[in-house]
Amino acid sequence: MHIPKIKQNMRIYHESKGRPSEKKLPVVVVFKKPTGKKHHMMVTESSVDDILDNSKRNPLIPNNYEIVDIGVGETFIKKFKEQYDIK
């Protein structure tokens, strides 16, 4: 089916309307490996639910790691680095 060029332009214009996409807040996770005492930090734009979900086939953090702390926002990066002495 051939769509006239005028309607193609209208469709593209129509799809671009609406609320602009928002920047996702980073999720900061502090965790410990099962064999060590050292704290590690991971910063991701995935949701907190994706990190905590144990039923995923390939979780972001393996199930045997201990999650110590989770925070949403850029301020937690500096806060957790100082609190848990992460470099």
N, C-alpha and C. Protein backbone atom coordinates (compact mmCIF):
# COMPACT_ATOMS: atom_id res chain seq x y z
N MET A 1 0.84 -1.17 0.00
CA MET A 1 0.00 0.00 0.00
C MET A 1 0.89 1.24 0.00
N HIS A 2 0.63 2.13 -0.91
CA HIS A 2 1.42 3.35 -1.05
C HIS A 2 0.75 4.48 -0.29
N ILE A 3 1.52 5.14 0.59
CA ILE A 3 1.01 6.28 1.36
C ILE A 3 1.56 7.54 0.71
N PRO A 4 0.69 8.51 0.39
CA PRO A 4 1.18 9.75 -0.20
C PRO A 4 2.18 10.45 0.72
N LYS A 5 3.07 11.22 0.12
CA LYS A 5 4.15 11.87 0.86
C LYS A 5 3.62 12.85 1.91
N ILE A 6 2.54 13.53 1.66
CA ILE A 6 1.98 14.49 2.61
C ILE A 6 1.56 13.79 3.89
N LYS A 7 0.91 12.64 3.77
CA LYS A 7 0.47 11.91 4.95
C LYS A 7 1.65 11.35 5.72
N GLN A 8 2.72 10.96 5.04
CA GLN A 8 3.91 10.47 5.74
C GLN A 8 4.49 11.57 6.63
N ASN A 9 4.57 12.78 6.10
CA ASN A 9 5.10 13.89 6.89
C ASN A 9 4.20 14.20 8.08
N MET A 10 2.89 14.12 7.90
CA MET A 10 1.96 14.40 8.99
C MET A 10 2.12 13.34 10.09
N ARG A 11 2.32 12.12 9.71
CA ARG A 11 2.45 11.04 10.68
C ARG A 11 3.72 11.25 11.52
N ILE A 12 4.81 11.59 10.90
CA ILE A 12 6.05 11.82 11.63
C ILE A 12 5.88 13.00 12.58
N TYR A 13 5.24 14.06 12.12
CA TYR A 13 5.02 15.23 12.95
C TYR A 13 4.13 14.87 14.13
N HIS A 14 3.13 14.06 13.89
CA HIS A 14 2.18 13.71 14.94
C HIS A 14 2.86 12.85 16.01
N GLU A 15 3.75 11.96 15.64
CA GLU A 15 4.40 11.08 16.61
C GLU A 15 5.38 11.83 17.50
N SER A 16 5.90 12.96 17.05
CA SER A 16 6.88 13.67 17.84
C SER A 16 6.25 14.57 18.90
N LYS A 17 4.93 14.74 18.89
CA LYS A 17 4.27 15.56 19.89
C LYS A 17 4.19 14.81 21.21
N GLY A 18 3.94 15.54 22.26
CA GLY A 18 3.73 14.90 23.55
C GLY A 18 4.79 15.32 24.55
N ARG A 19 4.76 14.67 25.66
CA ARG A 19 5.67 14.98 26.75
C ARG A 19 7.09 14.56 26.37
N PRO A 20 8.06 15.44 26.57
CA PRO A 20 9.45 15.07 26.25
C PRO A 20 9.95 14.00 27.22
N SER A 21 10.83 13.16 26.74
CA SER A 21 11.34 12.08 27.58
C SER A 21 12.19 12.66 28.70
N GLU A 22 12.03 12.09 29.88
CA GLU A 22 12.77 12.57 31.04
C GLU A 22 14.06 11.78 31.19
N LYS A 23 15.07 12.44 31.74
CA LYS A 23 16.34 11.77 31.99
C LYS A 23 16.15 10.82 33.17
N LYS A 24 16.60 9.57 33.02
CA LYS A 24 16.47 8.60 34.09
C LYS A 24 17.46 8.91 35.20
N LEU A 25 17.01 8.73 36.43
CA LEU A 25 17.88 8.93 37.58
C LEU A 25 18.77 7.71 37.76
N PRO A 26 20.03 7.91 38.10
CA PRO A 26 20.90 6.75 38.31
C PRO A 26 20.55 6.04 39.62
N VAL A 27 20.67 4.73 39.60
CA VAL A 27 20.48 3.91 40.79
C VAL A 27 21.86 3.46 41.24
N VAL A 28 22.19 3.74 42.50
CA VAL A 28 23.50 3.42 43.05
C VAL A 28 23.33 2.24 44.01
N VAL A 29 24.11 1.17 43.79
CA VAL A 29 24.02 -0.03 44.60
C VAL A 29 25.39 -0.31 45.22
N VAL A 30 25.43 -0.52 46.53
CA VAL A 30 26.64 -0.94 47.22
C VAL A 30 26.43 -2.40 47.62
N PHE A 31 27.41 -3.24 47.26
CA PHE A 31 27.28 -4.67 47.54
C PHE A 31 28.62 -5.24 47.96
N LYS A 32 28.55 -6.45 48.57
CA LYS A 32 29.75 -7.18 48.96
C LYS A 32 29.72 -8.55 48.30
N LYS A 33 30.89 -9.00 47.85
CA LYS A 33 31.01 -10.34 47.30
C LYS A 33 30.99 -11.34 48.46
N PRO A 34 30.57 -12.58 48.20
CA PRO A 34 30.43 -13.53 49.31
C PRO A 34 31.75 -13.92 49.97
N THR A 35 32.87 -13.76 49.27
CA THR A 35 34.15 -14.18 49.83
C THR A 35 34.96 -13.04 50.42
N GLY A 36 34.51 -11.80 50.28
CA GLY A 36 35.32 -10.68 50.72
C GLY A 36 34.63 -9.74 51.67
N LYS A 37 35.44 -8.82 52.21
CA LYS A 37 34.91 -7.81 53.12
C LYS A 37 34.81 -6.45 52.43
N LYS A 38 35.39 -6.33 51.25
CA LYS A 38 35.43 -5.07 50.53
C LYS A 38 34.07 -4.74 49.92
N HIS A 39 33.68 -3.46 49.99
CA HIS A 39 32.43 -3.00 49.39
C HIS A 39 32.69 -2.57 47.95
N HIS A 40 31.75 -2.88 47.08
CA HIS A 40 31.81 -2.48 45.67
C HIS A 40 30.58 -1.64 45.36
N MET A 41 30.71 -0.75 44.37
CA MET A 41 29.59 0.12 44.01
C MET A 41 29.30 -0.01 42.52
N MET A 42 28.03 -0.04 42.17
CA MET A 42 27.59 -0.10 40.79
C MET A 42 26.56 1.02 40.57
N VAL A 43 26.73 1.76 39.48
CA VAL A 43 25.79 2.82 39.12
C VAL A 43 25.14 2.43 37.80
N THR A 44 23.81 2.40 37.76
CA THR A 44 23.09 1.98 36.57
C THR A 44 21.83 2.82 36.41
N GLU A 45 21.25 2.80 35.21
CA GLU A 45 19.99 3.49 34.97
C GLU A 45 18.81 2.53 34.95
N SER A 46 19.04 1.28 35.32
CA SER A 46 17.95 0.32 35.45
C SER A 46 17.13 0.66 36.69
N SER A 47 15.93 0.13 36.74
CA SER A 47 15.07 0.42 37.89
C SER A 47 15.51 -0.41 39.10
N VAL A 48 15.10 0.02 40.28
CA VAL A 48 15.43 -0.68 41.51
C VAL A 48 14.81 -2.07 41.49
N ASP A 49 13.62 -2.20 40.92
CA ASP A 49 12.96 -3.50 40.85
C ASP A 49 13.77 -4.50 40.03
N ASP A 50 14.42 -4.03 38.95
CA ASP A 50 15.24 -4.92 38.14
C ASP A 50 16.45 -5.43 38.93
N ILE A 51 16.98 -4.62 39.80
CA ILE A 51 18.15 -5.02 40.59
C ILE A 51 17.75 -6.01 41.67
N LEU A 52 16.62 -5.79 42.31
CA LEU A 52 16.20 -6.64 43.43
C LEU A 52 15.53 -7.94 42.99
N ASP A 53 15.15 -8.06 41.73
CA ASP A 53 14.43 -9.23 41.24
C ASP A 53 15.37 -10.43 41.15
N ASN A 54 15.11 -11.45 41.99
CA ASN A 54 15.95 -12.65 42.01
C ASN A 54 15.60 -13.65 40.93
N SER A 55 14.44 -13.50 40.31
CA SER A 55 14.00 -14.50 39.34
C SER A 55 14.51 -14.25 37.93
N LYS A 56 15.29 -13.19 37.72
CA LYS A 56 15.83 -12.92 36.38
C LYS A 56 16.86 -13.96 36.01
N ARG A 57 16.96 -14.23 34.74
CA ARG A 57 17.93 -15.21 34.26
C ARG A 57 19.36 -14.68 34.40
N ASN A 58 19.59 -13.44 34.00
CA ASN A 58 20.89 -12.79 34.14
C ASN A 58 20.72 -11.53 34.98
N PRO A 59 20.74 -11.65 36.31
CA PRO A 59 20.56 -10.46 37.14
C PRO A 59 21.75 -9.52 37.04
N LEU A 60 21.53 -8.25 37.31
CA LEU A 60 22.60 -7.27 37.27
C LEU A 60 23.65 -7.55 38.34
N ILE A 61 23.20 -7.96 39.51
CA ILE A 61 24.10 -8.36 40.59
C ILE A 61 23.78 -9.82 40.89
N PRO A 62 24.79 -10.71 40.90
CA PRO A 62 24.51 -12.13 41.15
C PRO A 62 23.79 -12.35 42.48
N ASN A 63 23.02 -13.42 42.53
CA ASN A 63 22.17 -13.68 43.69
C ASN A 63 22.95 -13.96 44.96
N ASN A 64 24.19 -14.43 44.85
CA ASN A 64 24.94 -14.74 46.06
C ASN A 64 25.67 -13.52 46.63
N TYR A 65 25.60 -12.37 45.99
CA TYR A 65 26.20 -11.14 46.51
C TYR A 65 25.25 -10.51 47.52
N GLU A 66 25.80 -9.87 48.54
CA GLU A 66 24.99 -9.21 49.56
C GLU A 66 24.83 -7.73 49.22
N ILE A 67 23.60 -7.30 49.01
CA ILE A 67 23.33 -5.89 48.74
C ILE A 67 23.29 -5.16 50.08
N VAL A 68 24.19 -4.18 50.24
CA VAL A 68 24.32 -3.47 51.50
C VAL A 68 23.43 -2.23 51.50
N ASP A 69 23.43 -1.47 50.39
CA ASP A 69 22.69 -0.20 50.35
C ASP A 69 22.29 0.12 48.92
N ILE A 70 21.14 0.78 48.76
CA ILE A 70 20.66 1.22 47.45
C ILE A 70 20.16 2.65 47.59
N GLY A 71 20.48 3.48 46.58
CA GLY A 71 20.00 4.85 46.57
C GLY A 71 19.67 5.28 45.16
N VAL A 72 18.73 6.21 45.01
CA VAL A 72 18.33 6.71 43.70
C VAL A 72 18.72 8.18 43.61
N GLY A 73 19.60 8.51 42.66
CA GLY A 73 20.03 9.89 42.46
C GLY A 73 21.55 10.00 42.48
N GLU A 74 22.04 11.09 41.89
CA GLU A 74 23.48 11.28 41.76
C GLU A 74 24.15 11.60 43.09
N THR A 75 23.42 12.12 44.06
CA THR A 75 24.02 12.48 45.34
C THR A 75 24.50 11.26 46.12
N PHE A 76 23.90 10.10 45.85
CA PHE A 76 24.30 8.89 46.56
C PHE A 76 25.66 8.37 46.12
N ILE A 77 26.12 8.75 44.94
CA ILE A 77 27.43 8.30 44.48
C ILE A 77 28.51 8.81 45.44
N LYS A 78 28.51 10.10 45.68
CA LYS A 78 29.51 10.69 46.58
C LYS A 78 29.30 10.22 48.02
N LYS A 79 28.05 10.14 48.44
CA LYS A 79 27.73 9.75 49.81
C LYS A 79 28.22 8.33 50.10
N PHE A 80 27.93 7.39 49.20
CA PHE A 80 28.34 6.00 49.42
C PHE A 80 29.84 5.81 49.30
N LYS A 81 30.50 6.60 48.42
CA LYS A 81 31.96 6.51 48.31
C LYS A 81 32.63 6.88 49.64
N GLU A 82 32.13 7.92 50.27
CA GLU A 82 32.70 8.34 51.54
C GLU A 82 32.31 7.38 52.68
N GLN A 83 31.06 6.94 52.68
CA GLN A 83 30.57 6.11 53.78
C GLN A 83 31.22 4.73 53.79
N TYR A 84 31.40 4.12 52.63
CA TYR A 84 31.94 2.76 52.54
C TYR A 84 33.39 2.72 52.08
N ASP A 85 34.05 3.88 51.97
CA ASP A 85 35.46 4.00 51.57
C ASP A 85 35.72 3.28 50.24
N ILE A 86 34.95 3.66 49.23
CA ILE A 86 35.08 3.09 47.89
C ILE A 86 35.85 4.09 47.04
N LYS A 87 36.81 3.58 46.27
CA LYS A 87 37.64 4.45 45.43
C LYS A 87 37.08 4.57 44.04
